Amino acid sequence: MDTAEVITVGSRVYRPVLDETLTPEDLRVAREELGETPESRESCLRLLKEMLREQNEFTPRTDDNYLLRFLRCRKFDSKKAFKMIREHYKFRKMNPGVFPSPSSIEKALRQHIFDFLPHRDHKGRGIYVIRFNRWNPDKINFTDFVAAGNLVAEYILDNNVTQINGYIGVWDYSGFSFKHFRLFCSPKNTMMLANLMQDRFPGRFKIAYCINCIPMVGTVWNILKQMMKEKFKNRVTILSSLEELHQHLDRSVLPKEYGGTLSIPDTKEIAQRILDNEQYINLNLKFGF
C-alpha cells in the first residue's frame, strides 16, 4: 500500500488508497452531496458535541475526525448523526464479539480474507475485497469472520477521502460452499449482518460487485434483502463474468487474479497494520454503553 503510485488512464486518475490529500473534486462531492462546507462542519460538530454532552446513556468519543464519520454518513444532519452514534454503540454492546481486540482474532486477520486494493476507483472510493476461498468455517467461526471484516473496513475510515467518497466492494465468492451458506442463512447471523451493514457502521457503502458466484450466493442475498431498506437492496450486484467487472473498474487497478494488470504481492500488509494499531483500537473500544 505504501508503495502505490498514482495511475492515470486517459482522463481518469486512480489515487493510492492511503493518500489523504483532498482534491477539488473531493471538496465538490463533500459540498454538493453531503452539504459540507467549513461553516456547516463547524456548526454541526458544535451541535453534535452539545447533544453528546447532554445525554447520560453512554460515554462518547468526541474528537472531530471521529464525529465527522457520522456527520458525513448522515449528510450533516446532527440529529441523525447522533442517532447513528447511539445505534452504533448499542450494536457494539449487543455484539461485543464483532468488536474485539485485534490480537484476539489474529488468526482470522492473517488469513487475508478481507483487504483494500492499493488504489481507489476513479471516483475516489476505496475498493474493499472479500475472498471467501480464504475462509475455512471449520477454523474461523462466523463472529471472528465478521469481526475481521469490520476491523479492515474501519481501518481507512480515519481517512477523510474515504469518509467523503465512501467505498465499494469486490466480493469474490470462489470457494463458497454449503458450510458458508449455512452460516449466512442462520436467522441470528443474517439479522446481525443486515443491521451492521445499514445503520450501525459509519462508512458510505456505495455498491458491491459479487464475482465468481454460484446459485447459492443469490439465495443468500435474497434472504438478506428481506431485512434491508430499499436503498440498500440495489447496492449488491451479482456479475456473471470478470468482463462485467471491467465495465465498472479499470483493469489497471485490479489484480491479475481478476483480469487486471496490477501485480500485488500477498504480504497480508493490512493485517499487520491493524495489529500494530491495537492500542488505538482498544482505546476506542472503551467508549460506548
Protein backbone atom coordinates (compact mmCIF):
# COMPACT_ATOMS: atom_id res chain seq x y z
CA MET A 1 0.00 0.00 0.00
CA ASP A 2 2.75 2.45 0.92
CA THR A 3 4.46 1.91 -2.44
CA ALA A 4 1.36 2.52 -4.55
CA GLU A 5 1.66 5.39 -7.03
CA VAL A 6 -0.96 7.39 -8.89
CA ILE A 7 -2.27 5.64 -12.02
CA THR A 8 -3.65 7.73 -14.89
CA VAL A 9 -5.73 6.16 -17.66
CA GLY A 10 -6.98 8.73 -20.14
CA SER A 11 -8.76 11.41 -18.13
CA ARG A 12 -9.24 9.19 -15.09
CA VAL A 13 -6.93 9.25 -12.09
CA TYR A 14 -6.61 6.39 -9.61
CA ARG A 15 -5.09 7.50 -6.31
CA PRO A 16 -3.34 5.37 -3.68
CA VAL A 17 -5.87 4.34 -1.05
CA LEU A 18 -3.71 5.66 1.81
CA ASP A 19 -3.30 9.13 0.26
CA GLU A 20 -5.18 11.60 2.48
CA THR A 21 -4.95 14.62 0.17
CA LEU A 22 -8.36 16.15 -0.55
CA THR A 23 -8.70 17.16 -4.19
CA PRO A 24 -11.01 19.85 -5.60
CA GLU A 25 -13.31 17.02 -6.72
CA ASP A 26 -13.42 15.59 -3.17
CA LEU A 27 -14.38 19.02 -1.86
CA ARG A 28 -17.08 19.33 -4.53
CA VAL A 29 -18.56 15.96 -3.53
CA ALA A 30 -18.46 16.99 0.12
CA ARG A 31 -20.22 20.25 -0.64
CA GLU A 32 -22.81 19.10 -3.19
CA GLU A 33 -23.60 15.57 -1.97
CA LEU A 34 -23.05 15.88 1.77
CA GLY A 35 -23.77 19.55 2.40
CA GLU A 36 -20.32 20.03 3.91
CA THR A 37 -18.76 23.47 3.99
CA PRO A 38 -16.37 24.96 6.54
CA GLU A 39 -19.37 26.70 8.11
CA SER A 40 -21.64 23.63 8.25
CA ARG A 41 -18.80 21.47 9.52
CA GLU A 42 -18.12 23.85 12.41
CA SER A 43 -21.77 24.37 13.36
CA CYS A 44 -22.77 20.69 13.04
CA LEU A 45 -19.79 19.50 15.05
CA ARG A 46 -20.63 22.00 17.76
CA LEU A 47 -24.29 20.92 17.88
CA LEU A 48 -23.42 17.21 17.84
CA LYS A 49 -20.95 17.65 20.70
CA GLU A 50 -23.60 19.51 22.69
CA MET A 51 -26.07 16.67 22.15
CA LEU A 52 -23.48 14.12 23.24
CA ARG A 53 -22.62 16.12 26.37
CA GLU A 54 -26.26 16.46 27.37
CA GLN A 55 -27.05 12.73 27.25
CA ASN A 56 -26.00 10.36 30.03
CA GLU A 57 -26.66 6.94 28.48
CA PHE A 58 -23.19 6.26 27.10
CA THR A 59 -19.64 7.60 27.07
CA PRO A 60 -18.98 9.01 23.58
CA ARG A 61 -15.79 9.60 21.68
CA THR A 62 -15.84 13.27 20.70
CA ASP A 63 -12.79 14.10 18.58
CA ASP A 64 -13.68 15.87 15.34
CA ASN A 65 -12.43 13.27 12.88
CA TYR A 66 -14.39 10.50 14.58
CA LEU A 67 -17.61 12.53 14.68
CA LEU A 68 -17.17 13.52 11.04
CA ARG A 69 -17.58 9.84 10.09
CA PHE A 70 -21.15 10.00 11.32
CA LEU A 71 -21.92 13.52 10.09
CA ARG A 72 -20.76 12.65 6.59
CA CYS A 73 -22.80 9.43 6.63
CA ARG A 74 -25.86 11.47 7.58
CA LYS A 75 -25.17 14.43 5.29
CA PHE A 76 -24.51 16.84 8.13
CA ASP A 77 -27.78 16.30 9.93
CA SER A 78 -26.60 16.44 13.54
CA LYS A 79 -29.70 14.73 14.93
CA LYS A 80 -29.38 11.82 12.52
CA ALA A 81 -25.66 11.59 13.25
CA PHE A 82 -26.39 11.46 16.99
CA LYS A 83 -28.91 8.68 16.42
CA MET A 84 -26.39 6.72 14.37
CA ILE A 85 -23.72 7.06 17.08
CA ARG A 86 -26.19 5.78 19.65
CA GLU A 87 -27.22 2.85 17.44
CA HIS A 88 -23.57 2.06 16.71
CA TYR A 89 -22.76 1.88 20.42
CA LYS A 90 -25.90 -0.18 21.11
CA PHE A 91 -24.90 -2.63 18.39
CA ARG A 92 -21.41 -2.89 19.87
CA LYS A 93 -22.86 -3.64 23.29
CA MET A 94 -25.13 -6.35 21.89
CA ASN A 95 -22.41 -7.86 19.67
CA PRO A 96 -19.10 -7.50 21.55
CA GLY A 97 -17.54 -10.36 19.60
CA VAL A 98 -17.73 -8.30 16.41
CA PHE A 99 -15.60 -5.55 18.01
CA PRO A 100 -12.64 -7.40 19.55
CA SER A 101 -9.08 -6.51 20.34
CA PRO A 102 -7.18 -7.28 17.11
CA SER A 103 -4.77 -9.74 18.71
CA SER A 104 -7.69 -11.90 19.87
CA ILE A 105 -8.60 -12.63 16.22
CA GLU A 106 -5.10 -12.52 14.75
CA LYS A 107 -5.67 -15.87 13.04
CA ALA A 108 -8.69 -14.52 11.15
CA LEU A 109 -6.89 -11.30 10.21
CA ARG A 110 -3.85 -13.13 8.86
CA GLN A 111 -5.98 -15.28 6.57
CA HIS A 112 -6.22 -12.16 4.41
CA ILE A 113 -9.92 -12.76 3.73
CA PHE A 114 -10.52 -9.00 3.68
CA ASP A 115 -8.41 -6.28 2.12
CA PHE A 116 -8.41 -2.93 0.37
CA LEU A 117 -6.86 -2.72 -3.07
CA PRO A 118 -3.87 -0.33 -3.24
CA HIS A 119 -5.80 2.24 -5.32
CA ARG A 120 -9.17 3.94 -5.17
CA ASP A 121 -11.53 3.88 -8.12
CA HIS A 122 -11.89 6.92 -10.38
CA LYS A 123 -14.50 8.40 -8.02
CA GLY A 124 -12.12 8.28 -5.07
CA ARG A 125 -13.83 5.31 -3.41
CA GLY A 126 -11.88 2.64 -1.57
CA ILE A 127 -12.14 -0.86 -3.08
CA TYR A 128 -12.90 -3.40 -0.35
CA VAL A 129 -12.20 -7.02 -1.30
CA ILE A 130 -13.56 -10.21 0.27
CA ARG A 131 -12.09 -13.57 -0.76
CA PHE A 132 -14.29 -16.38 0.52
CA ASN A 133 -11.87 -19.10 -0.56
CA ARG A 134 -9.57 -17.94 2.24
CA TRP A 135 -12.19 -18.52 4.93
CA ASN A 136 -12.45 -22.01 6.37
CA PRO A 137 -15.52 -22.02 8.68
CA ASP A 138 -14.12 -25.06 10.49
CA LYS A 139 -11.19 -22.96 11.69
CA ILE A 140 -12.64 -19.44 11.86
CA ASN A 141 -16.14 -19.02 13.25
CA PHE A 142 -18.71 -16.62 11.84
CA THR A 143 -18.26 -13.98 14.55
CA ASP A 144 -14.49 -13.82 14.03
CA PHE A 145 -15.07 -13.65 10.26
CA VAL A 146 -17.34 -10.61 10.66
CA ALA A 147 -15.01 -9.06 13.25
CA ALA A 148 -12.04 -9.30 10.89
CA GLY A 149 -14.07 -7.72 8.11
CA ASN A 150 -15.19 -4.94 10.42
CA LEU A 151 -11.63 -4.14 11.53
CA VAL A 152 -10.39 -4.00 7.93
CA ALA A 153 -13.34 -1.87 6.81
CA GLU A 154 -12.79 0.55 9.67
CA TYR A 155 -9.05 0.79 9.10
CA ILE A 156 -9.24 3.52 6.45
CA LEU A 157 -12.24 5.34 7.95
CA ASP A 158 -9.97 7.88 9.62
CA ASN A 159 -9.02 8.95 6.10
CA ASN A 160 -11.11 11.97 5.07
CA VAL A 161 -11.10 10.86 1.43
CA THR A 162 -12.84 7.63 2.45
CA GLN A 163 -15.30 9.45 4.69
CA ILE A 164 -16.34 11.72 1.82
CA ASN A 165 -16.32 9.34 -1.17
CA GLY A 166 -17.10 6.07 0.60
CA TYR A 167 -16.10 2.65 -0.59
CA ILE A 168 -17.22 -0.10 -2.94
CA GLY A 169 -16.81 -3.85 -2.76
CA VAL A 170 -15.39 -6.61 -4.92
CA TRP A 171 -16.64 -9.75 -3.21
CA ASP A 172 -15.11 -12.91 -4.63
CA TYR A 173 -17.24 -15.98 -3.95
CA SER A 174 -14.73 -18.52 -5.26
CA GLY A 175 -14.77 -21.46 -2.87
CA PHE A 176 -18.14 -20.54 -1.37
CA SER A 177 -19.51 -23.82 -0.01
CA PHE A 178 -22.51 -25.19 1.82
CA LYS A 179 -20.65 -24.58 5.10
CA HIS A 180 -20.55 -20.87 4.29
CA PHE A 181 -24.13 -20.93 3.03
CA ARG A 182 -25.45 -22.49 6.23
CA LEU A 183 -23.83 -19.78 8.38
CA PHE A 184 -25.22 -16.96 6.23
CA CYS A 185 -28.71 -18.44 6.37
CA SER A 186 -28.83 -18.53 10.16
CA PRO A 187 -31.55 -16.01 11.22
CA LYS A 188 -29.32 -14.67 14.01
CA ASN A 189 -26.34 -14.16 11.69
CA THR A 190 -28.45 -12.70 8.90
CA MET A 191 -30.09 -10.14 11.19
CA MET A 192 -26.75 -9.14 12.67
CA LEU A 193 -25.22 -8.60 9.22
CA ALA A 194 -28.21 -6.64 7.93
CA ASN A 195 -28.11 -4.34 10.97
CA LEU A 196 -24.36 -3.78 10.74
CA MET A 197 -24.37 -3.03 7.02
CA GLN A 198 -27.19 -0.49 7.12
CA ASP A 199 -27.29 1.81 10.12
CA ARG A 200 -24.55 0.81 12.53
CA PHE A 201 -21.35 1.25 10.54
CA PRO A 202 -20.24 4.85 9.83
CA GLY A 203 -19.00 4.32 6.31
CA ARG A 204 -20.57 5.32 2.99
CA PHE A 205 -21.11 1.94 1.34
CA LYS A 206 -21.93 2.62 -2.32
CA ILE A 207 -22.08 -0.72 -4.17
CA ALA A 208 -20.63 -4.23 -4.13
CA TYR A 209 -19.79 -6.32 -7.17
CA CYS A 210 -20.09 -10.05 -6.48
CA ILE A 211 -17.96 -12.24 -8.74
CA ASN A 212 -17.38 -15.97 -9.23
CA CYS A 213 -20.83 -16.68 -7.83
CA ILE A 214 -22.68 -19.98 -7.68
CA PRO A 215 -26.51 -20.12 -7.33
CA MET A 216 -26.29 -20.35 -3.53
CA VAL A 217 -24.93 -16.80 -3.43
CA GLY A 218 -28.10 -15.43 -5.00
CA THR A 219 -30.13 -17.27 -2.38
CA VAL A 220 -28.07 -15.69 0.43
CA TRP A 221 -28.67 -12.20 -0.92
CA ASN A 222 -32.37 -12.82 -1.47
CA ILE A 223 -32.62 -13.68 2.23
CA LEU A 224 -30.59 -10.65 3.30
CA LYS A 225 -32.58 -8.28 1.10
CA GLN A 226 -35.75 -9.10 3.01
CA MET A 227 -34.18 -7.35 6.01
CA MET A 228 -32.74 -4.39 4.14
CA LYS A 229 -34.07 -0.94 3.41
CA GLU A 230 -34.94 -0.21 -0.19
CA LYS A 231 -31.87 1.91 -0.91
CA PHE A 232 -29.54 -0.92 0.11
CA LYS A 233 -31.27 -3.65 -1.88
CA ASN A 234 -29.81 -2.41 -5.16
CA ARG A 235 -26.31 -1.89 -3.83
CA VAL A 236 -25.27 -5.52 -4.22
CA THR A 237 -24.82 -6.64 -7.83
CA ILE A 238 -24.08 -10.21 -8.90
CA LEU A 239 -21.89 -10.22 -12.02
CA SER A 240 -21.72 -13.13 -14.42
CA SER A 241 -18.13 -12.59 -15.58
CA LEU A 242 -14.92 -10.68 -14.97
CA GLU A 243 -15.61 -8.80 -18.19
CA GLU A 244 -18.64 -7.28 -16.46
CA LEU A 245 -16.42 -6.22 -13.57
CA HIS A 246 -14.10 -4.47 -16.04
CA GLN A 247 -17.03 -2.33 -17.17
CA HIS A 248 -17.08 -0.82 -13.68
CA LEU A 249 -13.42 -0.96 -12.62
CA ASP A 250 -10.42 -0.35 -14.84
CA ARG A 251 -8.03 -3.28 -15.24
CA SER A 252 -5.14 -1.04 -14.16
CA VAL A 253 -6.34 -1.03 -10.53
CA LEU A 254 -7.35 -4.70 -10.40
CA PRO A 255 -5.01 -7.58 -9.52
CA LYS A 256 -4.21 -10.19 -12.15
CA GLU A 257 -6.50 -12.74 -10.47
CA TYR A 258 -9.43 -10.50 -11.52
CA GLY A 259 -8.23 -9.92 -15.05
CA GLY A 260 -6.31 -6.79 -14.12
CA THR A 261 -2.74 -5.72 -14.76
CA LEU A 262 -1.68 -4.85 -11.21
CA SER A 263 0.91 -7.02 -9.52
CA ILE A 264 0.06 -7.15 -5.82
CA PRO A 265 2.31 -9.22 -3.54
CA ASP A 266 0.34 -11.22 -0.98
CA THR A 267 2.02 -9.60 2.01
CA LYS A 268 -1.00 -9.55 4.32
CA GLU A 269 0.05 -5.95 4.96
CA ILE A 270 -3.27 -4.64 6.23
CA ALA A 271 -3.46 -7.34 8.92
CA GLN A 272 -0.10 -6.25 10.30
CA ARG A 273 -1.12 -2.60 10.20
CA ILE A 274 -4.23 -3.38 12.26
CA LEU A 275 -2.27 -5.45 14.77
CA ASP A 276 0.31 -2.67 15.10
CA ASN A 277 -2.57 -0.25 15.75
CA GLU A 278 -4.04 -2.32 18.57
CA GLN A 279 -3.53 0.26 21.32
CA TYR A 280 -5.54 2.88 19.40
CA ILE A 281 -8.28 0.37 18.54
CA ASN A 282 -8.56 -0.84 22.12
CA LEU A 283 -8.82 2.75 23.34
CA ASN A 284 -11.77 3.29 21.02
CA LEU A 285 -13.50 0.22 22.47
CA LYS A 286 -13.64 1.91 25.88
CA PHE A 287 -16.31 4.30 24.63
CA GLY A 288 -19.99 3.44 24.40
CA PHE A 289 -22.51 1.87 26.75
